[in-house]
Amino acid sequence: MLLYIHVSTVFILYLPGLCQLMELFVNLLIIICAGVPYSNNGGYRDLASLGGLYYYHFGGANAFTGADVDRVKELDQLFHQLKRPPYIFTMACGGVLMIYACAMLTLGIFRVPYRWPPVLLGEALLNFLIGLGYIPALAFYFIKVQETYNNPICEEREQMYKSKGHKGFDCQFHGADIAGGLFGVLGVFVFIFGAVLAVRAFRSVRELKKQRTNEDTTIFSHFFR
């Protein structure tokens, strides 16, 4: 009977464990999506000024000359500094949530929720609040990124690169921005689903502990009858 209870407990805590792995994976992807634009300077490299073969391959109509070289480099640096805050915020939040998911997963591995079922209720409450918290966090993220793209620095930089036929410097959401938002939406559902699973696990563990108590009482009474 003890073996049955142990197997049942493992099964009950199995689904929340998978959900915690999903929470970990989703936030890792969010960090990656924020880290790509954060680490990408995307600055202009004045290779044509090196002369020789460099001028032959990188010079011509697509190369900036004179004061334009200094101006475009300055705009690259200013834009990189301007776009960093929302990505830093995203990576910080994603890192904290990864630590939280790892902590909950570790508690499950050591069967702490079975020994102290109220832990599951605490997890359910936190998961629900985190799932709801994703919504304003996503709104803040997209508002701040859009403010960056609407900044005159970005617009001037875009026009300078377009004047030389360079692509990929548009002031609009890029693939990493959109992917990060989609993973954030997925995070809402994953954490709320995790809250539901935690509540179900709490009820199941409580019932199992009651069954075990009743069986122990029955065995004890039969022994002394």
C-alpha atoms as a PDB file:
ATOM      1  CA  MET A   1       0.000   0.000   0.000  1.00  0.00           C
ATOM      2  CA  LEU A   2       2.869   2.356   0.760  1.00  0.00           C
ATOM      3  CA  LEU A   3       4.237   1.603  -2.707  1.00  0.00           C
ATOM      4  CA  TYR A   4       0.852   2.491  -4.205  1.00  0.00           C
ATOM      5  CA  ILE A   5       0.790   5.784  -2.338  1.00  0.00           C
ATOM      6  CA  HIS A   6       4.340   6.601  -3.435  1.00  0.00           C
ATOM      7  CA  VAL A   7       3.589   5.859  -7.106  1.00  0.00           C
ATOM      8  CA  SER A   8       0.389   7.913  -6.923  1.00  0.00           C
ATOM      9  CA  THR A   9       2.267  10.840  -5.411  1.00  0.00           C
ATOM     10  CA  VAL A  10       4.905  10.742  -8.141  1.00  0.00           C
ATOM     11  CA  PHE A  11       2.166  10.733 -10.800  1.00  0.00           C
ATOM     12  CA  ILE A  12       0.339  13.637  -9.144  1.00  0.00           C
ATOM     13  CA  LEU A  13       3.499  15.765  -9.015  1.00  0.00           C
ATOM     14  CA  TYR A  14       4.608  14.705 -12.505  1.00  0.00           C
ATOM     15  CA  LEU A  15       2.408  17.120 -14.480  1.00  0.00           C
ATOM     16  CA  PRO A  16       3.298  20.188 -12.369  1.00  0.00           C
ATOM     17  CA  GLY A  17       6.941  19.231 -12.851  1.00  0.00           C
ATOM     18  CA  LEU A  18       6.523  19.255 -16.627  1.00  0.00           C
ATOM     19  CA  CYS A  19       4.791  22.608 -16.390  1.00  0.00           C
ATOM     20  CA  GLN A  20       7.703  23.972 -14.345  1.00  0.00           C
ATOM     21  CA  LEU A  21      10.087  22.804 -17.065  1.00  0.00           C
ATOM     22  CA  MET A  22       7.928  24.677 -19.573  1.00  0.00           C
ATOM     23  CA  GLU A  23       8.115  27.806 -17.395  1.00  0.00           C
ATOM     24  CA  LEU A  24      11.893  27.464 -17.344  1.00  0.00           C
ATOM     25  CA  PHE A  25      12.116  26.926 -21.100  1.00  0.00           C
ATOM     26  CA  VAL A  26       9.746  29.786 -22.006  1.00  0.00           C
ATOM     27  CA  ASN A  27      11.678  32.307 -19.912  1.00  0.00           C
ATOM     28  CA  LEU A  28      14.966  31.067 -21.353  1.00  0.00           C
ATOM     29  CA  LEU A  29      13.615  31.780 -24.836  1.00  0.00           C
ATOM     30  CA  ILE A  30      12.451  35.230 -23.705  1.00  0.00           C
ATOM     31  CA  ILE A  31      15.952  35.996 -22.412  1.00  0.00           C
ATOM     32  CA  ILE A  32      17.466  34.847 -25.710  1.00  0.00           C
ATOM     33  CA  CYS A  33      15.045  37.005 -27.730  1.00  0.00           C
ATOM     34  CA  ALA A  34      15.952  40.042 -25.618  1.00  0.00           C
ATOM     35  CA  GLY A  35      19.650  39.243 -25.599  1.00  0.00           C
ATOM     36  CA  VAL A  36      19.964  39.151 -29.394  1.00  0.00           C
ATOM     37  CA  PRO A  37      19.044  42.825 -30.020  1.00  0.00           C
ATOM     38  CA  TYR A  38      20.754  43.877 -26.782  1.00  0.00           C
ATOM     39  CA  SER A  39      24.108  42.442 -27.863  1.00  0.00           C
ATOM     40  CA  ASN A  40      23.779  43.466 -31.510  1.00  0.00           C
ATOM     41  CA  ASN A  41      25.503  46.812 -31.974  1.00  0.00           C
ATOM     42  CA  GLY A  42      24.745  46.837 -35.686  1.00  0.00           C
ATOM     43  CA  GLY A  43      27.196  49.679 -36.203  1.00  0.00           C
ATOM     44  CA  TYR A  44      28.671  50.924 -39.452  1.00  0.00           C
ATOM     45  CA  ARG A  45      32.154  49.633 -40.213  1.00  0.00           C
ATOM     46  CA  ASP A  46      34.099  52.039 -42.398  1.00  0.00           C
ATOM     47  CA  LEU A  47      36.111  49.336 -44.166  1.00  0.00           C
ATOM     48  CA  ALA A  48      36.440  51.419 -47.335  1.00  0.00           C
ATOM     49  CA  SER A  49      38.690  53.901 -45.497  1.00  0.00           C
ATOM     50  CA  LEU A  50      41.332  51.154 -45.127  1.00  0.00           C
ATOM     51  CA  GLY A  51      42.043  51.461 -48.843  1.00  0.00           C
ATOM     52  CA  GLY A  52      43.276  48.787 -51.257  1.00  0.00           C
ATOM     53  CA  LEU A  53      41.023  45.767 -51.665  1.00  0.00           C
ATOM     54  CA  TYR A  54      38.809  47.022 -48.834  1.00  0.00           C
ATOM     55  CA  TYR A  55      37.964  50.143 -50.830  1.00  0.00           C
ATOM     56  CA  TYR A  56      37.344  48.024 -53.916  1.00  0.00           C
ATOM     57  CA  HIS A  57      34.859  45.741 -52.145  1.00  0.00           C
ATOM     58  CA  PHE A  58      33.259  48.118 -49.622  1.00  0.00           C
ATOM     59  CA  GLY A  59      33.649  51.513 -51.206  1.00  0.00           C
ATOM     60  CA  GLY A  60      31.580  53.217 -53.864  1.00  0.00           C
ATOM     61  CA  ALA A  61      28.030  54.532 -53.595  1.00  0.00           C
ATOM     62  CA  ASN A  62      27.196  52.433 -50.511  1.00  0.00           C
ATOM     63  CA  ALA A  63      30.033  53.847 -48.400  1.00  0.00           C
ATOM     64  CA  PHE A  64      29.721  56.857 -46.109  1.00  0.00           C
ATOM     65  CA  THR A  65      32.346  59.526 -46.558  1.00  0.00           C
ATOM     66  CA  GLY A  66      33.630  62.517 -44.662  1.00  0.00           C
ATOM     67  CA  ALA A  67      31.463  63.815 -41.804  1.00  0.00           C
ATOM     68  CA  ASP A  68      28.752  61.227 -42.560  1.00  0.00           C
ATOM     69  CA  VAL A  69      31.026  58.473 -41.265  1.00  0.00           C
ATOM     70  CA  ASP A  70      31.385  60.143 -37.865  1.00  0.00           C
ATOM     71  CA  ARG A  71      27.680  61.013 -37.740  1.00  0.00           C
ATOM     72  CA  VAL A  72      26.440  57.502 -38.526  1.00  0.00           C
ATOM     73  CA  LYS A  73      28.819  56.004 -35.978  1.00  0.00           C
ATOM     74  CA  GLU A  74      27.568  58.469 -33.380  1.00  0.00           C
ATOM     75  CA  LEU A  75      23.958  57.584 -34.204  1.00  0.00           C
ATOM     76  CA  ASP A  76      24.767  53.870 -33.926  1.00  0.00           C
ATOM     77  CA  GLN A  77      26.202  54.387 -30.451  1.00  0.00           C
ATOM     78  CA  LEU A  78      23.302  56.591 -29.301  1.00  0.00           C
ATOM     79  CA  PHE A  79      20.717  54.155 -30.655  1.00  0.00           C
ATOM     80  CA  HIS A  80      22.382  51.192 -28.970  1.00  0.00           C
ATOM     81  CA  GLN A  81      22.312  53.025 -25.618  1.00  0.00           C
ATOM     82  CA  LEU A  82      18.715  54.073 -26.227  1.00  0.00           C
ATOM     83  CA  LYS A  83      17.383  50.578 -26.934  1.00  0.00           C
ATOM     84  CA  ARG A  84      19.086  48.794 -24.020  1.00  0.00           C
ATOM     85  CA  PRO A  85      16.704  49.510 -21.049  1.00  0.00           C
ATOM     86  CA  PRO A  86      13.650  47.461 -22.190  1.00  0.00           C
ATOM     87  CA  TYR A  87      15.873  44.511 -23.084  1.00  0.00           C
ATOM     88  CA  ILE A  88      17.694  44.698 -19.739  1.00  0.00           C
ATOM     89  CA  PHE A  89      14.298  44.757 -17.993  1.00  0.00           C
ATOM     90  CA  THR A  90      13.151  41.730 -19.997  1.00  0.00           C
ATOM     91  CA  MET A  91      16.282  39.685 -19.311  1.00  0.00           C
ATOM     92  CA  ALA A  92      16.160  40.541 -15.601  1.00  0.00           C
ATOM     93  CA  CYS A  93      12.512  39.463 -15.284  1.00  0.00           C
ATOM     94  CA  GLY A  94      13.160  36.313 -17.293  1.00  0.00           C
ATOM     95  CA  GLY A  95      16.129  35.438 -15.092  1.00  0.00           C
ATOM     96  CA  VAL A  96      14.143  35.879 -11.870  1.00  0.00           C
ATOM     97  CA  LEU A  97      11.317  33.695 -13.209  1.00  0.00           C
ATOM     98  CA  MET A  98      13.803  31.020 -14.273  1.00  0.00           C
ATOM     99  CA  ILE A  99      15.181  30.955 -10.724  1.00  0.00           C
ATOM    100  CA  TYR A 100      11.635  30.676  -9.383  1.00  0.00           C
ATOM    101  CA  ALA A 101      10.810  27.786 -11.744  1.00  0.00           C
ATOM    102  CA  CYS A 102      14.042  25.990 -10.763  1.00  0.00           C
ATOM    103  CA  ALA A 103      13.221  26.448  -7.066  1.00  0.00           C
ATOM    104  CA  MET A 104       9.718  24.995  -7.479  1.00  0.00           C
ATOM    105  CA  LEU A 105      11.095  22.116  -9.543  1.00  0.00           C
ATOM    106  CA  THR A 106      13.694  21.359  -6.867  1.00  0.00           C
ATOM    107  CA  LEU A 107      11.015  21.317  -4.156  1.00  0.00           C
ATOM    108  CA  GLY A 108       9.023  18.848  -6.242  1.00  0.00           C
ATOM    109  CA  ILE A 109      12.028  16.581  -6.770  1.00  0.00           C
ATOM    110  CA  PHE A 110      12.558  16.355  -2.998  1.00  0.00           C
ATOM    111  CA  ARG A 111       8.806  15.724  -2.484  1.00  0.00           C
ATOM    112  CA  VAL A 112       8.424  18.816  -0.301  1.00  0.00           C
ATOM    113  CA  PRO A 113       4.869  19.485  -1.601  1.00  0.00           C
ATOM    114  CA  TYR A 114       3.823  16.013  -0.450  1.00  0.00           C
ATOM    115  CA  ARG A 115       5.207  16.547   3.048  1.00  0.00           C
ATOM    116  CA  TRP A 116       3.788  20.093   3.292  1.00  0.00           C
ATOM    117  CA  PRO A 117       0.822  20.414   0.875  1.00  0.00           C
ATOM    118  CA  PRO A 118       0.285  24.160   1.607  1.00  0.00           C
ATOM    119  CA  VAL A 119       3.435  24.731  -0.468  1.00  0.00           C
ATOM    120  CA  LEU A 120       1.304  23.845  -3.499  1.00  0.00           C
ATOM    121  CA  LEU A 121      -1.238  26.525  -2.618  1.00  0.00           C
ATOM    122  CA  GLY A 122       1.572  29.070  -2.351  1.00  0.00           C
ATOM    123  CA  GLU A 123       2.870  27.971  -5.734  1.00  0.00           C
ATOM    124  CA  ALA A 124      -0.610  28.207  -7.232  1.00  0.00           C
ATOM    125  CA  LEU A 125      -1.045  31.766  -5.942  1.00  0.00           C
ATOM    126  CA  LEU A 126       2.380  32.862  -7.176  1.00  0.00           C
ATOM    127  CA  ASN A 127       1.857  31.233 -10.584  1.00  0.00           C
ATOM    128  CA  PHE A 128      -1.491  32.946 -10.991  1.00  0.00           C
ATOM    129  CA  LEU A 129      -0.051  36.358 -10.062  1.00  0.00           C
ATOM    130  CA  ILE A 130       2.953  35.835 -12.346  1.00  0.00           C
ATOM    131  CA  GLY A 131       0.668  34.804 -15.220  1.00  0.00           C
ATOM    132  CA  LEU A 132      -1.352  37.989 -14.789  1.00  0.00           C
ATOM    133  CA  GLY A 133       1.849  40.004 -14.335  1.00  0.00           C
ATOM    134  CA  TYR A 134       3.008  39.008 -17.797  1.00  0.00           C
ATOM    135  CA  ILE A 135       0.232  41.145 -19.308  1.00  0.00           C
ATOM    136  CA  PRO A 136       1.379  44.576 -18.022  1.00  0.00           C
ATOM    137  CA  ALA A 137       5.008  43.481 -18.496  1.00  0.00           C
ATOM    138  CA  LEU A 138       4.333  42.778 -22.173  1.00  0.00           C
ATOM    139  CA  ALA A 139       2.548  46.109 -22.559  1.00  0.00           C
ATOM    140  CA  PHE A 140       5.493  47.917 -20.915  1.00  0.00           C
ATOM    141  CA  TYR A 141       7.963  46.050 -23.128  1.00  0.00           C
ATOM    142  CA  PHE A 142       6.264  46.906 -26.418  1.00  0.00           C
ATOM    143  CA  ILE A 143       5.567  50.518 -25.394  1.00  0.00           C
ATOM    144  CA  LYS A 144       9.211  51.111 -24.503  1.00  0.00           C
ATOM    145  CA  VAL A 145      10.534  49.406 -27.629  1.00  0.00           C
ATOM    146  CA  GLN A 146       8.126  51.429 -29.774  1.00  0.00           C
ATOM    147  CA  GLU A 147       9.291  54.621 -28.053  1.00  0.00           C
ATOM    148  CA  THR A 148      12.832  53.673 -29.015  1.00  0.00           C
ATOM    149  CA  TYR A 149      11.869  53.226 -32.656  1.00  0.00           C
ATOM    150  CA  ASN A 150       9.913  56.498 -32.657  1.00  0.00           C
ATOM    151  CA  ASN A 151      12.900  58.417 -31.324  1.00  0.00           C
ATOM    152  CA  PRO A 152      14.444  60.977 -33.727  1.00  0.00           C
ATOM    153  CA  ILE A 153      17.820  59.285 -33.299  1.00  0.00           C
ATOM    154  CA  CYS A 154      16.451  56.054 -34.766  1.00  0.00           C
ATOM    155  CA  GLU A 155      14.674  57.892 -37.586  1.00  0.00           C
ATOM    156  CA  GLU A 156      17.748  59.875 -38.582  1.00  0.00           C
ATOM    157  CA  ARG A 157      19.855  56.700 -38.458  1.00  0.00           C
ATOM    158  CA  GLU A 158      17.343  54.880 -40.646  1.00  0.00           C
ATOM    159  CA  GLN A 159      17.338  57.663 -43.228  1.00  0.00           C
ATOM    160  CA  MET A 160      21.125  57.779 -43.402  1.00  0.00           C
ATOM    161  CA  TYR A 161      21.392  54.042 -43.995  1.00  0.00           C
ATOM    162  CA  LYS A 162      18.567  54.102 -46.555  1.00  0.00           C
ATOM    163  CA  SER A 163      20.318  56.871 -48.450  1.00  0.00           C
ATOM    164  CA  LYS A 164      23.210  54.467 -49.034  1.00  0.00           C
ATOM    165  CA  GLY A 165      21.032  51.472 -49.836  1.00  0.00           C
ATOM    166  CA  HIS A 166      21.674  49.601 -46.577  1.00  0.00           C
ATOM    167  CA  LYS A 167      18.845  47.398 -45.314  1.00  0.00           C
ATOM    168  CA  GLY A 168      17.932  46.093 -41.878  1.00  0.00           C
ATOM    169  CA  PHE A 169      18.029  49.432 -40.034  1.00  0.00           C
ATOM    170  CA  ASP A 170      14.296  50.200 -40.137  1.00  0.00           C
ATOM    171  CA  CYS A 171      12.645  51.734 -37.082  1.00  0.00           C
ATOM    172  CA  GLN A 172      10.113  48.969 -36.600  1.00  0.00           C
ATOM    173  CA  PHE A 173       9.690  45.761 -34.624  1.00  0.00           C
ATOM    174  CA  HIS A 174      12.086  43.045 -35.701  1.00  0.00           C
ATOM    175  CA  GLY A 175      11.827  39.264 -35.510  1.00  0.00           C
ATOM    176  CA  ALA A 176      13.401  38.985 -32.038  1.00  0.00           C
ATOM    177  CA  ASP A 177      11.009  41.637 -30.653  1.00  0.00           C
ATOM    178  CA  ILE A 178       7.949  39.830 -31.995  1.00  0.00           C
ATOM    179  CA  ALA A 179       9.208  36.393 -30.924  1.00  0.00           C
ATOM    180  CA  GLY A 180       9.848  37.683 -27.399  1.00  0.00           C
ATOM    181  CA  GLY A 181       6.287  39.001 -27.242  1.00  0.00           C
ATOM    182  CA  LEU A 182       4.843  35.703 -28.448  1.00  0.00           C
ATOM    183  CA  PHE A 183       6.805  33.774 -25.830  1.00  0.00           C
ATOM    184  CA  GLY A 184       5.532  36.253 -23.245  1.00  0.00           C
ATOM    185  CA  VAL A 185       1.949  35.475 -24.262  1.00  0.00           C
ATOM    186  CA  LEU A 186       2.767  31.781 -23.988  1.00  0.00           C
ATOM    187  CA  GLY A 187       4.130  32.463 -20.509  1.00  0.00           C
ATOM    188  CA  VAL A 188       0.719  33.809 -19.420  1.00  0.00           C
ATOM    189  CA  PHE A 189      -0.970  30.514 -20.261  1.00  0.00           C
ATOM    190  CA  VAL A 190       1.863  28.327 -18.935  1.00  0.00           C
ATOM    191  CA  PHE A 191       1.900  29.954 -15.498  1.00  0.00           C
ATOM    192  CA  ILE A 192      -1.882  30.075 -15.140  1.00  0.00           C
ATOM    193  CA  PHE A 193      -2.063  26.418 -16.218  1.00  0.00           C
ATOM    194  CA  GLY A 194       0.642  25.703 -13.643  1.00  0.00           C
ATOM    195  CA  ALA A 195      -1.541  27.352 -10.974  1.00  0.00           C
ATOM    196  CA  VAL A 196      -4.443  25.058 -11.900  1.00  0.00           C
ATOM    197  CA  LEU A 197      -2.209  21.981 -11.754  1.00  0.00           C
ATOM    198  CA  ALA A 198      -0.840  23.045  -8.359  1.00  0.00           C
ATOM    199  CA  VAL A 199      -4.366  23.326  -6.932  1.00  0.00           C
ATOM    200  CA  ARG A 200      -5.285  19.906  -8.311  1.00  0.00           C
ATOM    201  CA  ALA A 201      -2.075  18.441  -6.904  1.00  0.00           C
ATOM    202  CA  PHE A 202      -2.891  19.942  -3.478  1.00  0.00           C
ATOM    203  CA  ARG A 203      -6.317  18.308  -3.455  1.00  0.00           C
ATOM    204  CA  SER A 204      -4.934  14.967  -4.597  1.00  0.00           C
ATOM    205  CA  VAL A 205      -2.115  14.953  -2.040  1.00  0.00           C
ATOM    206  CA  ARG A 206      -4.549  15.861   0.732  1.00  0.00           C
ATOM    207  CA  GLU A 207      -6.815  12.974  -0.254  1.00  0.00           C
ATOM    208  CA  LEU A 208      -3.883  10.562  -0.375  1.00  0.00           C
ATOM    209  CA  LYS A 209      -2.708  11.626   3.064  1.00  0.00           C
ATOM    210  CA  LYS A 210      -6.244  11.115   4.418  1.00  0.00           C
ATOM    211  CA  GLN A 211      -6.377   7.655   2.856  1.00  0.00           C
ATOM    212  CA  ARG A 212      -3.005   6.789   4.350  1.00  0.00           C
ATOM    213  CA  THR A 213      -4.105   8.012   7.793  1.00  0.00           C
ATOM    214  CA  ASN A 214      -7.330   5.989   7.618  1.00  0.00           C
ATOM    215  CA  GLU A 215      -5.464   2.863   6.507  1.00  0.00           C
ATOM    216  CA  ASP A 216      -2.911   3.253   9.309  1.00  0.00           C
ATOM    217  CA  THR A 217      -5.741   3.661  11.798  1.00  0.00           C
ATOM    218  CA  THR A 218      -7.482   0.555  10.466  1.00  0.00           C
ATOM    219  CA  ILE A 219      -4.301  -1.523  10.640  1.00  0.00           C
ATOM    220  CA  PHE A 220      -3.621  -0.272  14.178  1.00  0.00           C
ATOM    221  CA  SER A 221      -7.143  -1.122  15.337  1.00  0.00           C
ATOM    222  CA  HIS A 222      -6.991  -4.625  13.799  1.00  0.00           C
ATOM    223  CA  PHE A 223      -3.615  -5.231  15.432  1.00  0.00           C
ATOM    224  CA  PHE A 224      -4.923  -4.512  18.939  1.00  0.00           C
ATOM    225  CA  ARG A 225      -8.344  -6.139  18.474  1.00  0.00           C
END
